[in-house]
N, C-alpha and C. Protein backbone atom coordinates (compact mmCIF):
# COMPACT_ATOMS: atom_id res chain seq x y z
N UNK A 1 0.81 -1.23 0.06
CA UNK A 1 0.05 0.04 0.00
C UNK A 1 0.92 1.22 0.02
N UNK A 2 0.49 2.17 -0.77
CA UNK A 2 1.11 3.47 -0.78
C UNK A 2 0.16 4.54 -0.67
N UNK A 3 0.58 5.74 -0.24
CA UNK A 3 -0.25 6.91 -0.16
C UNK A 3 -0.49 7.42 -1.54
N UNK A 4 -1.75 7.47 -2.00
CA UNK A 4 -2.14 7.90 -3.32
C UNK A 4 -2.51 9.39 -3.33
N UNK A 5 -3.26 9.76 -2.28
CA UNK A 5 -3.78 11.17 -2.12
C UNK A 5 -3.51 11.57 -0.68
N UNK A 6 -2.94 12.81 -0.51
CA UNK A 6 -2.87 13.31 0.86
C UNK A 6 -3.23 14.77 0.84
N UNK A 7 -4.31 15.11 1.45
CA UNK A 7 -4.80 16.47 1.65
C UNK A 7 -4.91 16.68 3.12
N UNK A 8 -3.83 17.25 3.73
CA UNK A 8 -3.86 17.34 5.19
C UNK A 8 -5.08 17.91 5.76
N UNK A 9 -5.56 17.30 6.83
CA UNK A 9 -6.74 17.66 7.60
C UNK A 9 -8.05 17.43 6.77
N UNK A 10 -7.89 16.67 5.68
CA UNK A 10 -9.12 16.42 4.83
C UNK A 10 -9.21 15.04 4.29
N UNK A 11 -8.16 14.54 3.61
CA UNK A 11 -8.28 13.29 2.88
C UNK A 11 -6.93 12.54 2.91
N UNK A 12 -7.06 11.23 3.16
CA UNK A 12 -5.90 10.29 3.04
C UNK A 12 -6.37 9.02 2.35
N UNK A 13 -5.71 8.76 1.16
CA UNK A 13 -6.13 7.60 0.33
C UNK A 13 -4.87 6.75 0.09
N UNK A 14 -5.01 5.45 0.36
CA UNK A 14 -4.06 4.42 0.08
C UNK A 14 -4.45 3.66 -1.17
N UNK A 15 -3.43 3.18 -1.89
CA UNK A 15 -3.66 2.36 -3.04
C UNK A 15 -2.66 1.21 -3.12
N UNK A 16 -3.19 0.06 -3.49
CA UNK A 16 -2.18 -1.10 -3.65
C UNK A 16 -1.35 -0.88 -4.91
N UNK A 17 -0.23 -1.62 -5.00
CA UNK A 17 0.68 -1.42 -6.09
C UNK A 17 0.01 -1.68 -7.47
N UNK A 18 -0.90 -2.73 -7.51
CA UNK A 18 -1.62 -2.98 -8.80
C UNK A 18 -2.88 -2.17 -8.97
N UNK A 19 -3.17 -1.27 -8.05
CA UNK A 19 -4.39 -0.41 -8.16
C UNK A 19 -5.72 -1.13 -7.93
N UNK A 20 -5.66 -2.37 -7.55
CA UNK A 20 -6.94 -3.11 -7.41
C UNK A 20 -7.64 -2.77 -6.06
N UNK A 21 -6.91 -2.28 -5.12
CA UNK A 21 -7.45 -1.98 -3.79
C UNK A 21 -7.18 -0.58 -3.44
N UNK A 22 -8.22 0.24 -3.17
CA UNK A 22 -8.12 1.63 -2.78
C UNK A 22 -8.87 1.76 -1.47
N UNK A 23 -8.24 2.53 -0.46
CA UNK A 23 -8.87 2.73 0.86
C UNK A 23 -8.63 4.13 1.26
N UNK A 24 -9.81 4.89 1.45
CA UNK A 24 -9.74 6.25 1.66
C UNK A 24 -10.40 6.67 3.02
N UNK A 25 -9.81 7.68 3.61
CA UNK A 25 -10.38 8.31 4.83
C UNK A 25 -10.59 9.77 4.49
N UNK A 26 -11.84 10.24 4.74
CA UNK A 26 -12.17 11.56 4.38
C UNK A 26 -12.83 12.27 5.60
N UNK A 27 -12.42 13.47 5.92
CA UNK A 27 -12.97 14.25 6.94
C UNK A 27 -13.96 15.25 6.35
N UNK A 28 -15.18 15.40 6.88
CA UNK A 28 -16.18 16.27 6.37
C UNK A 28 -16.79 17.01 7.45
N UNK A 29 -17.00 18.31 7.42
CA UNK A 29 -17.75 19.10 8.45
C UNK A 29 -19.11 18.56 8.56
N UNK A 30 -19.58 18.44 9.81
CA UNK A 30 -20.89 17.97 10.04
C UNK A 30 -21.52 18.75 11.26
N UNK A 31 -22.32 19.72 10.94
CA UNK A 31 -22.83 20.56 11.96
C UNK A 31 -21.64 21.29 12.67
N UNK A 32 -21.59 21.18 13.96
CA UNK A 32 -20.56 21.78 14.78
C UNK A 32 -19.35 20.87 14.87
N UNK A 33 -19.41 19.63 14.28
CA UNK A 33 -18.30 18.66 14.44
C UNK A 33 -17.78 18.27 13.10
N UNK A 34 -17.16 17.13 13.12
CA UNK A 34 -16.52 16.55 11.88
C UNK A 34 -16.90 15.12 11.83
N UNK A 35 -17.15 14.63 10.62
CA UNK A 35 -17.41 13.23 10.45
C UNK A 35 -16.28 12.59 9.64
N UNK A 36 -15.83 11.44 10.06
CA UNK A 36 -14.83 10.59 9.42
C UNK A 36 -15.55 9.60 8.52
N UNK A 37 -15.25 9.59 7.26
CA UNK A 37 -15.83 8.61 6.34
C UNK A 37 -14.69 7.76 5.85
N UNK A 38 -14.90 6.45 5.92
CA UNK A 38 -14.02 5.39 5.44
C UNK A 38 -14.57 4.74 4.27
N UNK A 39 -13.89 4.66 3.17
CA UNK A 39 -14.40 3.95 2.03
C UNK A 39 -13.26 3.02 1.47
N UNK A 40 -13.61 1.82 1.07
CA UNK A 40 -12.60 1.03 0.36
C UNK A 40 -13.27 0.34 -0.82
N UNK A 41 -12.46 0.09 -1.80
CA UNK A 41 -12.96 -0.60 -3.09
C UNK A 41 -11.91 -1.57 -3.49
N UNK A 42 -12.29 -2.75 -3.82
CA UNK A 42 -11.45 -3.76 -4.40
C UNK A 42 -12.00 -4.21 -5.75
N UNK A 43 -11.18 -4.16 -6.77
CA UNK A 43 -11.57 -4.62 -8.11
C UNK A 43 -11.35 -6.08 -8.22
N UNK A 44 -12.41 -6.73 -8.57
CA UNK A 44 -12.35 -8.24 -8.76
C UNK A 44 -12.26 -8.53 -10.29
N UNK A 45 -12.01 -7.58 -11.12
CA UNK A 45 -11.92 -7.83 -12.60
C UNK A 45 -10.80 -8.79 -12.89
N UNK A 46 -11.07 -9.74 -13.67
CA UNK A 46 -10.09 -10.73 -14.05
C UNK A 46 -9.89 -11.83 -13.04
N UNK A 47 -10.61 -11.81 -11.99
CA UNK A 47 -10.51 -12.92 -10.96
C UNK A 47 -11.46 -13.99 -11.31
N UNK A 48 -11.00 -15.27 -11.14
CA UNK A 48 -11.90 -16.35 -11.40
C UNK A 48 -13.13 -16.30 -10.43
N UNK A 49 -14.21 -17.02 -10.80
CA UNK A 49 -15.39 -17.05 -9.99
C UNK A 49 -15.22 -17.43 -8.60
N UNK A 50 -14.39 -18.52 -8.30
CA UNK A 50 -14.16 -18.89 -6.86
C UNK A 50 -13.50 -17.79 -6.04
N UNK A 51 -12.57 -17.08 -6.69
CA UNK A 51 -11.97 -15.96 -5.99
C UNK A 51 -12.94 -14.87 -5.59
N UNK A 52 -13.82 -14.54 -6.48
CA UNK A 52 -14.88 -13.60 -6.14
C UNK A 52 -15.83 -14.03 -5.07
N UNK A 53 -16.14 -15.32 -5.11
CA UNK A 53 -16.99 -15.86 -4.03
C UNK A 53 -16.28 -15.80 -2.68
N UNK A 54 -14.99 -16.17 -2.60
CA UNK A 54 -14.24 -16.13 -1.36
C UNK A 54 -14.25 -14.64 -0.81
N UNK A 55 -14.02 -13.73 -1.71
CA UNK A 55 -13.93 -12.30 -1.31
C UNK A 55 -15.28 -11.93 -0.77
N UNK A 56 -16.38 -12.18 -1.40
CA UNK A 56 -17.67 -11.78 -0.95
C UNK A 56 -18.10 -12.47 0.38
N UNK A 57 -17.66 -13.68 0.53
CA UNK A 57 -18.09 -14.44 1.73
C UNK A 57 -17.15 -14.18 2.93
N UNK A 58 -15.89 -13.86 2.68
CA UNK A 58 -14.93 -13.75 3.79
C UNK A 58 -14.43 -12.29 3.86
N UNK A 59 -13.97 -11.72 2.89
CA UNK A 59 -13.31 -10.39 2.96
C UNK A 59 -14.28 -9.27 3.24
N UNK A 60 -15.36 -9.26 2.54
CA UNK A 60 -16.34 -8.17 2.85
C UNK A 60 -16.78 -8.09 4.36
N UNK A 61 -17.24 -9.25 4.83
CA UNK A 61 -17.65 -9.18 6.30
C UNK A 61 -16.48 -8.90 7.19
N UNK A 62 -15.32 -9.42 6.87
CA UNK A 62 -14.10 -9.21 7.70
C UNK A 62 -13.72 -7.75 7.68
N UNK A 63 -13.81 -7.10 6.49
CA UNK A 63 -13.49 -5.73 6.34
C UNK A 63 -14.45 -4.83 7.19
N UNK A 64 -15.71 -5.22 7.17
CA UNK A 64 -16.76 -4.51 7.94
C UNK A 64 -16.41 -4.61 9.42
N UNK A 65 -16.10 -5.74 9.96
CA UNK A 65 -15.85 -5.96 11.34
C UNK A 65 -14.56 -5.16 11.69
N UNK A 66 -13.52 -5.19 10.90
CA UNK A 66 -12.27 -4.47 11.16
C UNK A 66 -12.54 -2.98 11.25
N UNK A 67 -13.31 -2.43 10.28
CA UNK A 67 -13.55 -1.05 10.28
C UNK A 67 -14.43 -0.62 11.44
N UNK A 68 -15.46 -1.42 11.77
CA UNK A 68 -16.32 -1.10 12.96
C UNK A 68 -15.60 -1.05 14.24
N UNK A 69 -14.46 -1.82 14.36
CA UNK A 69 -13.70 -1.74 15.55
C UNK A 69 -12.66 -0.63 15.46
N UNK A 70 -12.14 -0.29 14.27
CA UNK A 70 -11.12 0.68 14.17
C UNK A 70 -11.63 2.08 14.30
N UNK A 71 -12.77 2.36 13.66
CA UNK A 71 -13.26 3.83 13.67
C UNK A 71 -13.49 4.37 15.09
N UNK A 72 -14.18 3.64 16.04
CA UNK A 72 -14.34 4.21 17.42
C UNK A 72 -12.96 4.45 18.05
N UNK A 73 -11.99 3.70 17.81
CA UNK A 73 -10.59 4.06 18.40
C UNK A 73 -10.05 5.33 17.85
N UNK A 74 -10.25 5.53 16.54
CA UNK A 74 -9.80 6.76 15.95
C UNK A 74 -10.52 7.95 16.52
N UNK A 75 -11.87 7.79 16.72
CA UNK A 75 -12.72 8.82 17.31
C UNK A 75 -12.24 9.14 18.73
N UNK A 76 -11.93 8.15 19.55
CA UNK A 76 -11.45 8.41 20.91
C UNK A 76 -10.15 9.14 20.88
N UNK A 77 -9.24 8.81 20.04
CA UNK A 77 -7.94 9.43 20.01
C UNK A 77 -8.11 10.86 19.52
N UNK A 78 -8.96 11.15 18.56
CA UNK A 78 -9.16 12.46 17.95
C UNK A 78 -9.81 13.37 19.10
N UNK A 79 -10.78 12.91 19.73
CA UNK A 79 -11.50 13.69 20.73
C UNK A 79 -10.54 13.93 21.98
N UNK A 80 -9.66 13.01 22.26
CA UNK A 80 -8.77 13.20 23.39
C UNK A 80 -7.76 14.29 23.17
N UNK A 81 -7.42 14.51 21.89
CA UNK A 81 -6.30 15.46 21.56
C UNK A 81 -6.97 16.84 21.13
N UNK A 82 -8.27 16.95 21.00
CA UNK A 82 -8.83 18.20 20.51
C UNK A 82 -9.21 19.09 21.67
């Protein structure tokens, strides 16, 4: 993974070497506060059917669990330093 886009205090986007995986973190003003948005995208183009099935059955739920645990920790650290 390498940093593809860096806009301090606003956006951080990582990209895999082959460009198949992109993961971005974006800060947006929300009322009196700020909202952190996490997005990721994985291209399955060219992958055989079984690879796509494994991704959808294992990786998608795993990614959701990982992000659901990661984002509250980021929130706690951000609020502690503000």
